C-alpha atoms as a PDB file:
ATOM      1  CA  UNK A   1     -16.166 -25.180 -10.707  1.00  0.00           C
ATOM      2  CA  UNK A   2     -17.506 -27.336  -7.820  1.00  0.00           C
ATOM      3  CA  UNK A   3     -18.701 -25.737  -4.275  1.00  0.00           C
ATOM      4  CA  UNK A   4     -16.205 -27.453  -2.731  1.00  0.00           C
ATOM      5  CA  UNK A   5     -13.014 -26.312  -4.500  1.00  0.00           C
ATOM      6  CA  UNK A   6     -14.520 -22.493  -4.129  1.00  0.00           C
ATOM      7  CA  UNK A   7     -14.758 -23.241  -0.202  1.00  0.00           C
ATOM      8  CA  UNK A   8     -11.483 -24.516  -0.167  1.00  0.00           C
ATOM      9  CA  UNK A   9      -9.769 -21.332  -2.310  1.00  0.00           C
ATOM     10  CA  UNK A  10     -11.707 -18.880   0.284  1.00  0.00           C
ATOM     11  CA  UNK A  11     -10.286 -20.595   3.323  1.00  0.00           C
ATOM     12  CA  UNK A  12      -6.839 -20.737   1.426  1.00  0.00           C
ATOM     13  CA  UNK A  13      -7.543 -16.476   0.353  1.00  0.00           C
ATOM     14  CA  UNK A  14      -8.778 -15.816   4.241  1.00  0.00           C
ATOM     15  CA  UNK A  15      -5.724 -17.585   5.575  1.00  0.00           C
ATOM     16  CA  UNK A  16      -3.258 -15.443   3.094  1.00  0.00           C
ATOM     17  CA  UNK A  17      -5.062 -12.312   4.571  1.00  0.00           C
ATOM     18  CA  UNK A  18      -4.583 -13.120   7.717  1.00  0.00           C
ATOM     19  CA  UNK A  19      -1.223 -13.932   7.325  1.00  0.00           C
ATOM     20  CA  UNK A  20      -0.371 -10.151   5.556  1.00  0.00           C
ATOM     21  CA  UNK A  21      -2.299  -8.562   8.244  1.00  0.00           C
ATOM     22  CA  UNK A  22      -0.069 -10.504  10.854  1.00  0.00           C
ATOM     23  CA  UNK A  23       3.240  -9.660   8.770  1.00  0.00           C
ATOM     24  CA  UNK A  24       1.993  -5.737   8.341  1.00  0.00           C
ATOM     25  CA  UNK A  25       1.558  -5.395  12.054  1.00  0.00           C
ATOM     26  CA  UNK A  26       4.994  -6.382  12.839  1.00  0.00           C
ATOM     27  CA  UNK A  27       6.512  -4.007  10.794  1.00  0.00           C
ATOM     28  CA  UNK A  28       7.880  -0.569  11.726  1.00  0.00           C
ATOM     29  CA  UNK A  29       7.295   2.631  10.032  1.00  0.00           C
ATOM     30  CA  UNK A  30       9.325   5.590  10.047  1.00  0.00           C
ATOM     31  CA  UNK A  31       7.737   9.016   9.763  1.00  0.00           C
ATOM     32  CA  UNK A  32      10.529  12.098   8.977  1.00  0.00           C
ATOM     33  CA  UNK A  33      10.089  15.985   9.399  1.00  0.00           C
ATOM     34  CA  UNK A  34      13.038  18.394   8.959  1.00  0.00           C
ATOM     35  CA  UNK A  35      13.957  17.853  12.820  1.00  0.00           C
ATOM     36  CA  UNK A  36      11.180  15.061  13.869  1.00  0.00           C
ATOM     37  CA  UNK A  37      11.885  11.529  13.347  1.00  0.00           C
ATOM     38  CA  UNK A  38       8.943   9.363  14.360  1.00  0.00           C
ATOM     39  CA  UNK A  39       8.728   5.224  14.834  1.00  0.00           C
ATOM     40  CA  UNK A  40       5.435   3.589  14.715  1.00  0.00           C
ATOM     41  CA  UNK A  41       4.656   0.143  14.126  1.00  0.00           C
ATOM     42  CA  UNK A  42       1.856  -1.580  11.742  1.00  0.00           C
ATOM     43  CA  UNK A  43      -1.076  -1.268  14.379  1.00  0.00           C
ATOM     44  CA  UNK A  44      -0.899   2.402  14.118  1.00  0.00           C
ATOM     45  CA  UNK A  45       1.080   2.693  17.600  1.00  0.00           C
ATOM     46  CA  UNK A  46       3.917   5.251  18.375  1.00  0.00           C
ATOM     47  CA  UNK A  47       6.826   3.864  19.336  1.00  0.00           C
ATOM     48  CA  UNK A  48       9.013   6.475  19.587  1.00  0.00           C
ATOM     49  CA  UNK A  49       9.722  10.350  18.803  1.00  0.00           C
ATOM     50  CA  UNK A  50      13.113  11.837  18.338  1.00  0.00           C
ATOM     51  CA  UNK A  51      13.635  15.355  18.122  1.00  0.00           C
ATOM     52  CA  UNK A  52      16.909  16.962  16.592  1.00  0.00           C
ATOM     53  CA  UNK A  53      18.871  18.933  19.624  1.00  0.00           C
ATOM     54  CA  UNK A  54      19.350  21.784  17.599  1.00  0.00           C
ATOM     55  CA  UNK A  55      15.787  22.772  17.435  1.00  0.00           C
ATOM     56  CA  UNK A  56      15.609  23.735  20.771  1.00  0.00           C
ATOM     57  CA  UNK A  57      18.047  26.572  20.320  1.00  0.00           C
ATOM     58  CA  UNK A  58      16.193  28.991  17.798  1.00  0.00           C
ATOM     59  CA  UNK A  59      12.787  26.995  17.523  1.00  0.00           C
ATOM     60  CA  UNK A  60       9.101  27.601  19.521  1.00  0.00           C
ATOM     61  CA  UNK A  61       6.658  24.918  20.762  1.00  0.00           C
ATOM     62  CA  UNK A  62       4.220  25.635  17.523  1.00  0.00           C
ATOM     63  CA  UNK A  63       6.855  25.201  14.962  1.00  0.00           C
ATOM     64  CA  UNK A  64       7.888  22.325  16.563  1.00  0.00           C
ATOM     65  CA  UNK A  65       4.111  20.787  17.411  1.00  0.00           C
ATOM     66  CA  UNK A  66       3.880  21.062  13.311  1.00  0.00           C
ATOM     67  CA  UNK A  67       7.090  18.840  12.899  1.00  0.00           C
ATOM     68  CA  UNK A  68       5.602  16.545  14.764  1.00  0.00           C
ATOM     69  CA  UNK A  69       2.637  16.556  13.442  1.00  0.00           C
ATOM     70  CA  UNK A  70       3.816  16.186   9.694  1.00  0.00           C
ATOM     71  CA  UNK A  71       6.500  13.144  10.962  1.00  0.00           C
ATOM     72  CA  UNK A  72       2.991  11.372  12.224  1.00  0.00           C
ATOM     73  CA  UNK A  73       1.389  11.913   9.190  1.00  0.00           C
ATOM     74  CA  UNK A  74       4.439  10.808   7.020  1.00  0.00           C
ATOM     75  CA  UNK A  75       4.396   7.274   8.643  1.00  0.00           C
ATOM     76  CA  UNK A  76       0.840   6.886   9.011  1.00  0.00           C
ATOM     77  CA  UNK A  77       0.665   7.842   5.270  1.00  0.00           C
ATOM     78  CA  UNK A  78       3.557   4.913   4.386  1.00  0.00           C
ATOM     79  CA  UNK A  79       1.922   2.294   6.670  1.00  0.00           C
ATOM     80  CA  UNK A  80      -1.592   2.797   4.805  1.00  0.00           C
ATOM     81  CA  UNK A  81       0.394   2.664   1.260  1.00  0.00           C
ATOM     82  CA  UNK A  82       1.966  -0.366   2.549  1.00  0.00           C
ATOM     83  CA  UNK A  83      -1.264  -1.924   3.726  1.00  0.00           C
ATOM     84  CA  UNK A  84      -3.435  -1.315   0.864  1.00  0.00           C
ATOM     85  CA  UNK A  85      -0.449  -2.367  -1.680  1.00  0.00           C
ATOM     86  CA  UNK A  86      -0.720  -5.712   0.184  1.00  0.00           C
ATOM     87  CA  UNK A  87      -4.601  -6.131   1.017  1.00  0.00           C
ATOM     88  CA  UNK A  88      -6.005  -3.990  -2.182  1.00  0.00           C
ATOM     89  CA  UNK A  89      -6.262  -6.992  -4.314  1.00  0.00           C
ATOM     90  CA  UNK A  90      -8.332  -8.960  -1.883  1.00  0.00           C
ATOM     91  CA  UNK A  91     -10.345  -6.019  -1.256  1.00  0.00           C
ATOM     92  CA  UNK A  92     -11.211  -5.796  -4.847  1.00  0.00           C
ATOM     93  CA  UNK A  93     -12.147  -9.124  -5.160  1.00  0.00           C
ATOM     94  CA  UNK A  94     -15.102  -9.025  -2.487  1.00  0.00           C
ATOM     95  CA  UNK A  95     -15.660  -5.913  -3.327  1.00  0.00           C
ATOM     96  CA  UNK A  96     -19.339  -6.776  -4.970  1.00  0.00           C
ATOM     97  CA  UNK A  97     -19.754  -9.746  -2.443  1.00  0.00           C
ATOM     98  CA  UNK A  98     -20.118  -7.650   0.695  1.00  0.00           C
END
């Protein structure tokens, strides 16, 4: 394989990575615990927090905070898994080169 073909393939791969990153950043991810739902975007920004109204009748602040934390971590884990699935093949290819 000549250098020009190699450079063209590298450029195509770079464009593919940018395209996938843009697609992932436009997605939203929903994380849930028992009474809390969190929505984040692909950049990791929390877009909304929805708390079930029934929580305020019997639950205290500490439980609410724990549930919010669980929901946020659930959404972030889904986002990171999606990114790894879509971009992981590229990082493996460049692992020894960088």
